């Protein structure tokens, strides 16, 4: 009899301890918002007959950005993980897809292939992108710092390489407009890369 009473008391205590956690989990999952980077707005030109086949990738991002929750900075050394604000797909995949869409709109490419590709895909030029920083800073500005290379895929020669480092000021401090500012920077970098495609 005493054991049954102890078991019942234990179960009640366990339920009381678990209840707030379950409520918190339920409320968080119901309020999650999902975001995607977006491509530049309009087609700039039609590709010429001499436009090359471009391979895009690999694209690398820092491990602190490689998560589903959107990360911003509150200081140079402190990150803020914005609970309830998530990427709708892995960030590196989203960047790659938007980069390809942007390149397609420049009219500088005949066709695009995503890394990894095969020899049958006919890739002539390769774009390699290493992103160092891509988040909203403590001052409210969004920064994109990246190193990119345009490579002749047939012989491995680097045609052009550069460091891109610019900021964009969102219209406000919301995560949605932070993502809009990130998209603007990605479009601007794509234009810079495309200008070096022969």
C-alpha atoms as a PDB file:
ATOM      1  CA  UNK A   1       0.000   0.000   0.000  1.00  0.00           C
ATOM      2  CA  UNK A   2       2.777   2.380   0.975  1.00  0.00           C
ATOM      3  CA  UNK A   3       4.600   1.597  -2.276  1.00  0.00           C
ATOM      4  CA  UNK A   4       1.519   2.446  -4.334  1.00  0.00           C
ATOM      5  CA  UNK A   5       1.179   5.798  -2.571  1.00  0.00           C
ATOM      6  CA  UNK A   6       4.858   6.582  -3.199  1.00  0.00           C
ATOM      7  CA  UNK A   7       4.512   5.635  -6.880  1.00  0.00           C
ATOM      8  CA  UNK A   8       1.439   7.832  -7.307  1.00  0.00           C
ATOM      9  CA  UNK A   9       3.210  10.749  -5.609  1.00  0.00           C
ATOM     10  CA  UNK A  10       6.257  10.218  -7.831  1.00  0.00           C
ATOM     11  CA  UNK A  11       4.098  10.235 -10.982  1.00  0.00           C
ATOM     12  CA  UNK A  12       2.365  13.436  -9.913  1.00  0.00           C
ATOM     13  CA  UNK A  13       5.714  15.146  -9.260  1.00  0.00           C
ATOM     14  CA  UNK A  14       7.054  13.969 -12.629  1.00  0.00           C
ATOM     15  CA  UNK A  15       3.980  15.314 -14.440  1.00  0.00           C
ATOM     16  CA  UNK A  16       4.242  18.632 -12.634  1.00  0.00           C
ATOM     17  CA  UNK A  17       7.892  18.945 -13.646  1.00  0.00           C
ATOM     18  CA  UNK A  18       7.263  17.947 -17.269  1.00  0.00           C
ATOM     19  CA  UNK A  19       4.164  20.081 -17.829  1.00  0.00           C
ATOM     20  CA  UNK A  20       5.965  23.451 -18.267  1.00  0.00           C
ATOM     21  CA  UNK A  21       8.463  21.864 -20.692  1.00  0.00           C
ATOM     22  CA  UNK A  22       5.688  20.330 -22.792  1.00  0.00           C
ATOM     23  CA  UNK A  23       3.764  23.610 -22.840  1.00  0.00           C
ATOM     24  CA  UNK A  24       6.892  25.524 -23.848  1.00  0.00           C
ATOM     25  CA  UNK A  25       7.652  23.083 -26.665  1.00  0.00           C
ATOM     26  CA  UNK A  26       4.078  23.240 -27.934  1.00  0.00           C
ATOM     27  CA  UNK A  27       3.996  27.036 -27.888  1.00  0.00           C
ATOM     28  CA  UNK A  28       7.384  27.361 -29.614  1.00  0.00           C
ATOM     29  CA  UNK A  29       6.522  24.987 -32.444  1.00  0.00           C
ATOM     30  CA  UNK A  30       3.330  26.915 -33.074  1.00  0.00           C
ATOM     31  CA  UNK A  31       5.083  30.270 -33.462  1.00  0.00           C
ATOM     32  CA  UNK A  32       8.058  29.330 -35.654  1.00  0.00           C
ATOM     33  CA  UNK A  33       8.484  31.502 -38.745  1.00  0.00           C
ATOM     34  CA  UNK A  34      10.413  30.323 -41.790  1.00  0.00           C
ATOM     35  CA  UNK A  35      12.510  32.436 -44.172  1.00  0.00           C
ATOM     36  CA  UNK A  36      14.252  32.133 -47.535  1.00  0.00           C
ATOM     37  CA  UNK A  37      16.762  34.329 -49.329  1.00  0.00           C
ATOM     38  CA  UNK A  38      15.362  35.617 -52.618  1.00  0.00           C
ATOM     39  CA  UNK A  39      16.935  36.253 -56.055  1.00  0.00           C
ATOM     40  CA  UNK A  40      17.299  39.611 -57.785  1.00  0.00           C
ATOM     41  CA  UNK A  41      14.103  40.998 -59.216  1.00  0.00           C
ATOM     42  CA  UNK A  42      14.403  40.994 -62.990  1.00  0.00           C
ATOM     43  CA  UNK A  43      16.073  39.464 -66.023  1.00  0.00           C
ATOM     44  CA  UNK A  44      18.936  41.719 -67.065  1.00  0.00           C
ATOM     45  CA  UNK A  45      19.826  40.225 -70.465  1.00  0.00           C
ATOM     46  CA  UNK A  46      19.529  37.163 -72.686  1.00  0.00           C
ATOM     47  CA  UNK A  47      22.603  34.903 -72.930  1.00  0.00           C
ATOM     48  CA  UNK A  48      24.829  35.222 -76.000  1.00  0.00           C
ATOM     49  CA  UNK A  49      25.740  32.291 -78.238  1.00  0.00           C
ATOM     50  CA  UNK A  50      29.230  32.264 -76.684  1.00  0.00           C
ATOM     51  CA  UNK A  51      28.016  32.178 -73.062  1.00  0.00           C
ATOM     52  CA  UNK A  52      29.738  29.384 -71.092  1.00  0.00           C
ATOM     53  CA  UNK A  53      28.328  26.544 -69.028  1.00  0.00           C
ATOM     54  CA  UNK A  54      28.945  27.472 -65.388  1.00  0.00           C
ATOM     55  CA  UNK A  55      29.283  25.109 -62.453  1.00  0.00           C
ATOM     56  CA  UNK A  56      28.350  26.594 -59.089  1.00  0.00           C
ATOM     57  CA  UNK A  57      29.983  25.243 -55.949  1.00  0.00           C
ATOM     58  CA  UNK A  58      31.148  24.221 -53.576  1.00  0.00           C
ATOM     59  CA  UNK A  59      29.666  26.948 -51.365  1.00  0.00           C
ATOM     60  CA  UNK A  60      30.875  26.963 -47.759  1.00  0.00           C
ATOM     61  CA  UNK A  61      29.549  28.866 -44.749  1.00  0.00           C
ATOM     62  CA  UNK A  62      30.863  29.172 -41.148  1.00  0.00           C
ATOM     63  CA  UNK A  63      29.684  26.428 -38.808  1.00  0.00           C
ATOM     64  CA  UNK A  64      27.968  28.969 -36.510  1.00  0.00           C
ATOM     65  CA  UNK A  65      25.639  29.860 -39.402  1.00  0.00           C
ATOM     66  CA  UNK A  66      25.091  26.245 -40.400  1.00  0.00           C
ATOM     67  CA  UNK A  67      21.932  25.753 -38.345  1.00  0.00           C
ATOM     68  CA  UNK A  68      18.193  26.011 -38.870  1.00  0.00           C
ATOM     69  CA  UNK A  69      17.724  28.983 -36.493  1.00  0.00           C
ATOM     70  CA  UNK A  70      18.727  32.420 -37.822  1.00  0.00           C
ATOM     71  CA  UNK A  71      21.813  33.849 -36.103  1.00  0.00           C
ATOM     72  CA  UNK A  72      22.617  37.543 -35.599  1.00  0.00           C
ATOM     73  CA  UNK A  73      25.302  39.361 -33.567  1.00  0.00           C
ATOM     74  CA  UNK A  74      24.762  41.495 -30.483  1.00  0.00           C
ATOM     75  CA  UNK A  75      28.482  42.316 -30.258  1.00  0.00           C
ATOM     76  CA  UNK A  76      31.706  41.390 -32.012  1.00  0.00           C
ATOM     77  CA  UNK A  77      32.045  38.327 -29.782  1.00  0.00           C
ATOM     78  CA  UNK A  78      28.440  37.422 -28.979  1.00  0.00           C
ATOM     79  CA  UNK A  79      25.903  35.643 -31.159  1.00  0.00           C
ATOM     80  CA  UNK A  80      22.135  35.733 -30.796  1.00  0.00           C
ATOM     81  CA  UNK A  81      20.202  32.621 -31.812  1.00  0.00           C
ATOM     82  CA  UNK A  82      16.757  33.939 -32.759  1.00  0.00           C
ATOM     83  CA  UNK A  83      14.380  31.285 -31.444  1.00  0.00           C
ATOM     84  CA  UNK A  84      11.247  30.954 -33.552  1.00  0.00           C
ATOM     85  CA  UNK A  85      12.940  32.387 -36.684  1.00  0.00           C
ATOM     86  CA  UNK A  86      14.228  29.603 -38.894  1.00  0.00           C
ATOM     87  CA  UNK A  87      15.636  29.022 -42.359  1.00  0.00           C
ATOM     88  CA  UNK A  88      13.194  27.039 -44.474  1.00  0.00           C
ATOM     89  CA  UNK A  89      16.119  25.044 -45.940  1.00  0.00           C
ATOM     90  CA  UNK A  90      19.825  24.680 -45.085  1.00  0.00           C
ATOM     91  CA  UNK A  91      21.466  28.083 -45.541  1.00  0.00           C
ATOM     92  CA  UNK A  92      24.286  26.869 -47.800  1.00  0.00           C
ATOM     93  CA  UNK A  93      21.719  25.235 -50.122  1.00  0.00           C
ATOM     94  CA  UNK A  94      19.596  28.399 -50.143  1.00  0.00           C
ATOM     95  CA  UNK A  95      22.656  30.537 -50.987  1.00  0.00           C
ATOM     96  CA  UNK A  96      23.647  28.160 -53.814  1.00  0.00           C
ATOM     97  CA  UNK A  97      20.149  28.134 -55.291  1.00  0.00           C
ATOM     98  CA  UNK A  98      19.786  31.934 -55.162  1.00  0.00           C
ATOM     99  CA  UNK A  99      23.297  32.422 -56.571  1.00  0.00           C
ATOM    100  CA  UNK A 100      22.372  30.200 -59.524  1.00  0.00           C
ATOM    101  CA  UNK A 101      19.079  32.021 -60.050  1.00  0.00           C
ATOM    102  CA  UNK A 102      20.866  35.373 -59.942  1.00  0.00           C
ATOM    103  CA  UNK A 103      23.537  34.200 -62.407  1.00  0.00           C
ATOM    104  CA  UNK A 104      20.840  32.937 -64.749  1.00  0.00           C
ATOM    105  CA  UNK A 105      19.237  36.394 -64.746  1.00  0.00           C
ATOM    106  CA  UNK A 106      22.488  38.166 -65.710  1.00  0.00           C
ATOM    107  CA  UNK A 107      22.507  36.653 -69.193  1.00  0.00           C
ATOM    108  CA  UNK A 108      26.184  35.687 -68.799  1.00  0.00           C
ATOM    109  CA  UNK A 109      25.655  31.914 -68.730  1.00  0.00           C
ATOM    110  CA  UNK A 110      24.354  29.376 -71.236  1.00  0.00           C
ATOM    111  CA  UNK A 111      23.537  26.783 -68.583  1.00  0.00           C
ATOM    112  CA  UNK A 112      24.174  26.180 -64.894  1.00  0.00           C
ATOM    113  CA  UNK A 113      25.214  23.024 -63.094  1.00  0.00           C
ATOM    114  CA  UNK A 114      25.328  22.505 -59.335  1.00  0.00           C
ATOM    115  CA  UNK A 115      28.315  20.949 -57.566  1.00  0.00           C
ATOM    116  CA  UNK A 116      29.117  18.084 -57.786  1.00  0.00           C
ATOM    117  CA  UNK A 117      28.683  17.490 -61.505  1.00  0.00           C
ATOM    118  CA  UNK A 118      30.017  14.909 -63.965  1.00  0.00           C
ATOM    119  CA  UNK A 119      32.236  15.259 -67.043  1.00  0.00           C
ATOM    120  CA  UNK A 120      29.141  14.814 -69.214  1.00  0.00           C
ATOM    121  CA  UNK A 121      27.699  18.111 -67.918  1.00  0.00           C
ATOM    122  CA  UNK A 122      30.151  20.132 -70.029  1.00  0.00           C
ATOM    123  CA  UNK A 123      31.130  22.634 -67.298  1.00  0.00           C
ATOM    124  CA  UNK A 124      33.564  25.256 -68.650  1.00  0.00           C
ATOM    125  CA  UNK A 125      33.842  27.636 -65.683  1.00  0.00           C
ATOM    126  CA  UNK A 126      33.454  26.978 -61.967  1.00  0.00           C
ATOM    127  CA  UNK A 127      32.498  29.399 -59.205  1.00  0.00           C
ATOM    128  CA  UNK A 128      33.820  28.518 -55.741  1.00  0.00           C
ATOM    129  CA  UNK A 129      32.461  30.553 -52.837  1.00  0.00           C
ATOM    130  CA  UNK A 130      33.698  30.671 -49.229  1.00  0.00           C
ATOM    131  CA  UNK A 131      31.554  32.859 -46.963  1.00  0.00           C
ATOM    132  CA  UNK A 132      33.209  34.230 -43.815  1.00  0.00           C
ATOM    133  CA  UNK A 133      30.404  36.432 -42.438  1.00  0.00           C
ATOM    134  CA  UNK A 134      26.753  36.726 -43.402  1.00  0.00           C
ATOM    135  CA  UNK A 135      24.583  38.065 -40.578  1.00  0.00           C
ATOM    136  CA  UNK A 136      23.126  41.191 -38.987  1.00  0.00           C
ATOM    137  CA  UNK A 137      25.619  43.044 -36.808  1.00  0.00           C
ATOM    138  CA  UNK A 138      25.178  44.785 -33.457  1.00  0.00           C
ATOM    139  CA  UNK A 139      24.813  48.151 -35.245  1.00  0.00           C
ATOM    140  CA  UNK A 140      21.826  46.813 -37.227  1.00  0.00           C
ATOM    141  CA  UNK A 141      23.654  46.538 -40.549  1.00  0.00           C
ATOM    142  CA  UNK A 142      23.886  43.241 -42.411  1.00  0.00           C
ATOM    143  CA  UNK A 143      27.351  42.228 -43.602  1.00  0.00           C
ATOM    144  CA  UNK A 144      28.499  39.795 -46.274  1.00  0.00           C
ATOM    145  CA  UNK A 145      32.200  38.928 -46.365  1.00  0.00           C
ATOM    146  CA  UNK A 146      33.159  36.225 -48.844  1.00  0.00           C
ATOM    147  CA  UNK A 147      36.001  35.013 -51.024  1.00  0.00           C
ATOM    148  CA  UNK A 148      35.119  33.818 -54.502  1.00  0.00           C
ATOM    149  CA  UNK A 149      37.031  32.245 -57.366  1.00  0.00           C
ATOM    150  CA  UNK A 150      36.179  31.871 -61.029  1.00  0.00           C
ATOM    151  CA  UNK A 151      38.049  28.821 -62.314  1.00  0.00           C
ATOM    152  CA  UNK A 152      38.650  27.466 -65.823  1.00  0.00           C
ATOM    153  CA  UNK A 153      37.345  23.985 -65.127  1.00  0.00           C
ATOM    154  CA  UNK A 154      39.238  22.315 -67.976  1.00  0.00           C
ATOM    155  CA  UNK A 155      42.739  23.293 -66.867  1.00  0.00           C
ATOM    156  CA  UNK A 156      42.170  24.389 -63.258  1.00  0.00           C
ATOM    157  CA  UNK A 157      43.486  27.910 -63.853  1.00  0.00           C
ATOM    158  CA  UNK A 158      42.025  30.669 -61.674  1.00  0.00           C
ATOM    159  CA  UNK A 159      40.598  33.276 -64.032  1.00  0.00           C
ATOM    160  CA  UNK A 160      39.670  35.728 -61.279  1.00  0.00           C
ATOM    161  CA  UNK A 161      39.504  35.720 -57.499  1.00  0.00           C
ATOM    162  CA  UNK A 162      38.433  38.455 -55.094  1.00  0.00           C
ATOM    163  CA  UNK A 163      37.171  39.236 -51.635  1.00  0.00           C
ATOM    164  CA  UNK A 164      33.685  40.689 -51.395  1.00  0.00           C
ATOM    165  CA  UNK A 165      32.921  42.766 -48.293  1.00  0.00           C
ATOM    166  CA  UNK A 166      29.884  45.040 -48.119  1.00  0.00           C
ATOM    167  CA  UNK A 167      27.095  46.014 -45.761  1.00  0.00           C
ATOM    168  CA  UNK A 168      23.402  46.678 -46.283  1.00  0.00           C
ATOM    169  CA  UNK A 169      21.106  48.545 -43.902  1.00  0.00           C
ATOM    170  CA  UNK A 170      17.720  46.876 -43.383  1.00  0.00           C
ATOM    171  CA  UNK A 171      14.681  49.157 -43.239  1.00  0.00           C
ATOM    172  CA  UNK A 172      14.091  47.966 -39.663  1.00  0.00           C
ATOM    173  CA  UNK A 173      15.354  45.411 -37.153  1.00  0.00           C
ATOM    174  CA  UNK A 174      12.892  42.636 -37.991  1.00  0.00           C
ATOM    175  CA  UNK A 175      14.258  39.263 -39.068  1.00  0.00           C
ATOM    176  CA  UNK A 176      12.223  39.468 -42.289  1.00  0.00           C
ATOM    177  CA  UNK A 177      13.918  42.693 -43.376  1.00  0.00           C
ATOM    178  CA  UNK A 178      17.273  41.330 -42.230  1.00  0.00           C
ATOM    179  CA  UNK A 179      16.771  38.486 -44.713  1.00  0.00           C
ATOM    180  CA  UNK A 180      15.791  41.019 -47.419  1.00  0.00           C
ATOM    181  CA  UNK A 181      19.077  42.888 -46.797  1.00  0.00           C
ATOM    182  CA  UNK A 182      20.984  39.592 -46.984  1.00  0.00           C
ATOM    183  CA  UNK A 183      19.323  38.859 -50.342  1.00  0.00           C
ATOM    184  CA  UNK A 184      20.343  42.314 -51.620  1.00  0.00           C
ATOM    185  CA  UNK A 185      23.991  41.656 -50.751  1.00  0.00           C
ATOM    186  CA  UNK A 186      23.918  38.233 -52.380  1.00  0.00           C
ATOM    187  CA  UNK A 187      22.497  39.774 -55.562  1.00  0.00           C
ATOM    188  CA  UNK A 188      25.160  42.485 -55.556  1.00  0.00           C
ATOM    189  CA  UNK A 189      27.943  39.904 -55.150  1.00  0.00           C
ATOM    190  CA  UNK A 190      26.474  37.841 -57.997  1.00  0.00           C
ATOM    191  CA  UNK A 191      26.635  40.902 -60.281  1.00  0.00           C
ATOM    192  CA  UNK A 192      30.292  41.396 -59.319  1.00  0.00           C
ATOM    193  CA  UNK A 193      31.146  37.751 -60.072  1.00  0.00           C
ATOM    194  CA  UNK A 194      29.193  37.768 -63.337  1.00  0.00           C
ATOM    195  CA  UNK A 195      31.122  40.814 -64.578  1.00  0.00           C
ATOM    196  CA  UNK A 196      34.252  38.628 -64.740  1.00  0.00           C
ATOM    197  CA  UNK A 197      32.686  35.776 -66.724  1.00  0.00           C
ATOM    198  CA  UNK A 198      34.179  35.950 -70.238  1.00  0.00           C
END
